[in-house]
Structures are given as C-alpha cells and as structure tokens.
Amino acid sequence: MSISEQLERMRRERGWTTGDVSAKTGLSEGEILLIEAGVPGVPLEVVEQLSSGLRMTFTIGDTAI
C-alpha cells in the first residue's frame, strides 16, 4: 500500500479531515491533499513528519517509518 493510501485510510478510519491532519503535522492542507492524490516523490522528511505528528507507522516496501 502506498503512502497516499495509508494516509487516506488512516485519516478516514479516525474521522479526521485534512485540516485535522494539517494541525497535527504542521503540513499544509494542500500538501496533505497532494500526498493523498499520490503525487510521486514525497520526501522522507515529510513521511517522518506525518509519522511523528499522527503517531503512526508508514510502510515503504519492507521499511517501517
């Protein structure tokens, strides 16, 4: 599952808006929307920021972040 799919799934499961995710991570709503749209090349630092702010683990291949 891609980062975009993982993020959108978690957000929907928790009933959060993109604004909620933005407030928790410090990323803009526009950035969240781009990530969820599957725009390629999300920097590792952004994935780490999402992971930390949302207190969740993302999986990229065999690597958990």
C-alpha atoms as a PDB file:
ATOM      1  CA  MET A   1       0.000   0.000   0.000  1.00  0.00           C
ATOM      2  CA  SER A   2       1.374   3.414  -0.958  1.00  0.00           C
ATOM      3  CA  ILE A   3       1.990   6.294   1.460  1.00  0.00           C
ATOM      4  CA  SER A   4      -1.010   8.093  -0.043  1.00  0.00           C
ATOM      5  CA  GLU A   5      -3.278   5.083   0.505  1.00  0.00           C
ATOM      6  CA  GLN A   6      -2.012   4.562   4.048  1.00  0.00           C
ATOM      7  CA  LEU A   7      -2.547   8.214   4.939  1.00  0.00           C
ATOM      8  CA  GLU A   8      -6.030   8.458   3.462  1.00  0.00           C
ATOM      9  CA  ARG A   9      -7.128   5.170   5.019  1.00  0.00           C
ATOM     10  CA  MET A  10      -5.914   6.177   8.487  1.00  0.00           C
ATOM     11  CA  ARG A  11      -7.479   9.624   8.194  1.00  0.00           C
ATOM     12  CA  ARG A  12     -10.862   8.209   7.216  1.00  0.00           C
ATOM     13  CA  GLU A  13     -10.748   5.495   9.892  1.00  0.00           C
ATOM     14  CA  ARG A  14     -10.143   8.146  12.548  1.00  0.00           C
ATOM     15  CA  GLY A  15     -12.752  10.514  11.102  1.00  0.00           C
ATOM     16  CA  TRP A  16     -10.212  13.287  10.577  1.00  0.00           C
ATOM     17  CA  THR A  17     -10.298  15.999   7.949  1.00  0.00           C
ATOM     18  CA  THR A  18      -7.258  17.149   6.022  1.00  0.00           C
ATOM     19  CA  GLY A  19      -7.348  20.177   8.335  1.00  0.00           C
ATOM     20  CA  ASP A  20      -7.011  17.878  11.348  1.00  0.00           C
ATOM     21  CA  VAL A  21      -4.011  16.161   9.782  1.00  0.00           C
ATOM     22  CA  SER A  22      -2.526  19.554   8.936  1.00  0.00           C
ATOM     23  CA  ALA A  23      -2.878  20.759  12.525  1.00  0.00           C
ATOM     24  CA  LYS A  24      -1.270  17.595  13.906  1.00  0.00           C
ATOM     25  CA  THR A  25       1.658  17.506  11.478  1.00  0.00           C
ATOM     26  CA  GLY A  26       2.425  21.115  10.596  1.00  0.00           C
ATOM     27  CA  LEU A  27       1.984  20.336   6.888  1.00  0.00           C
ATOM     28  CA  SER A  28      -0.433  22.439   4.875  1.00  0.00           C
ATOM     29  CA  GLU A  29      -3.788  21.046   3.765  1.00  0.00           C
ATOM     30  CA  GLY A  30      -2.541  21.425   0.199  1.00  0.00           C
ATOM     31  CA  GLU A  31       0.439  19.206   0.963  1.00  0.00           C
ATOM     32  CA  ILE A  32      -1.840  16.605   2.566  1.00  0.00           C
ATOM     33  CA  LEU A  33      -4.119  16.652  -0.488  1.00  0.00           C
ATOM     34  CA  LEU A  34      -1.162  16.227  -2.841  1.00  0.00           C
ATOM     35  CA  ILE A  35       0.164  13.288  -0.845  1.00  0.00           C
ATOM     36  CA  GLU A  36      -3.265  11.640  -0.773  1.00  0.00           C
ATOM     37  CA  ALA A  37      -3.570  12.218  -4.537  1.00  0.00           C
ATOM     38  CA  GLY A  38      -0.473  10.088  -4.975  1.00  0.00           C
ATOM     39  CA  VAL A  39       1.931  12.738  -6.222  1.00  0.00           C
ATOM     40  CA  PRO A  40       5.269  10.896  -6.536  1.00  0.00           C
ATOM     41  CA  GLY A  41       8.436  11.794  -4.699  1.00  0.00           C
ATOM     42  CA  VAL A  42       7.198  12.528  -1.171  1.00  0.00           C
ATOM     43  CA  PRO A  43      10.427  13.337   0.696  1.00  0.00           C
ATOM     44  CA  LEU A  44      11.395  11.036   3.566  1.00  0.00           C
ATOM     45  CA  GLU A  45      11.389  14.049   5.904  1.00  0.00           C
ATOM     46  CA  VAL A  46       7.702  14.635   5.098  1.00  0.00           C
ATOM     47  CA  VAL A  47       6.853  10.981   5.771  1.00  0.00           C
ATOM     48  CA  GLU A  48       8.703  11.237   9.094  1.00  0.00           C
ATOM     49  CA  GLN A  49       6.784  14.431   9.929  1.00  0.00           C
ATOM     50  CA  LEU A  50       3.490  12.662   9.173  1.00  0.00           C
ATOM     51  CA  SER A  51       4.513   9.639  11.213  1.00  0.00           C
ATOM     52  CA  SER A  52       5.534  11.717  14.214  1.00  0.00           C
ATOM     53  CA  GLY A  53       2.565  14.081  14.141  1.00  0.00           C
ATOM     54  CA  LEU A  54      -0.015  11.350  13.625  1.00  0.00           C
ATOM     55  CA  ARG A  55       1.707   8.805  15.862  1.00  0.00           C
ATOM     56  CA  MET A  56       1.520   6.123  13.219  1.00  0.00           C
ATOM     57  CA  THR A  57       3.913   3.978  11.252  1.00  0.00           C
ATOM     58  CA  PHE A  58       4.069   4.121   7.478  1.00  0.00           C
ATOM     59  CA  THR A  59       5.454   1.211   5.485  1.00  0.00           C
ATOM     60  CA  ILE A  60       7.512   1.705   2.350  1.00  0.00           C
ATOM     61  CA  GLY A  61       8.375  -1.678   0.897  1.00  0.00           C
ATOM     62  CA  ASP A  62       9.923  -3.621   3.789  1.00  0.00           C
ATOM     63  CA  THR A  63      10.795  -0.481   5.758  1.00  0.00           C
ATOM     64  CA  ALA A  64       8.630   0.958   8.542  1.00  0.00           C
ATOM     65  CA  ILE A  65       8.847   4.685   9.239  1.00  0.00           C
END
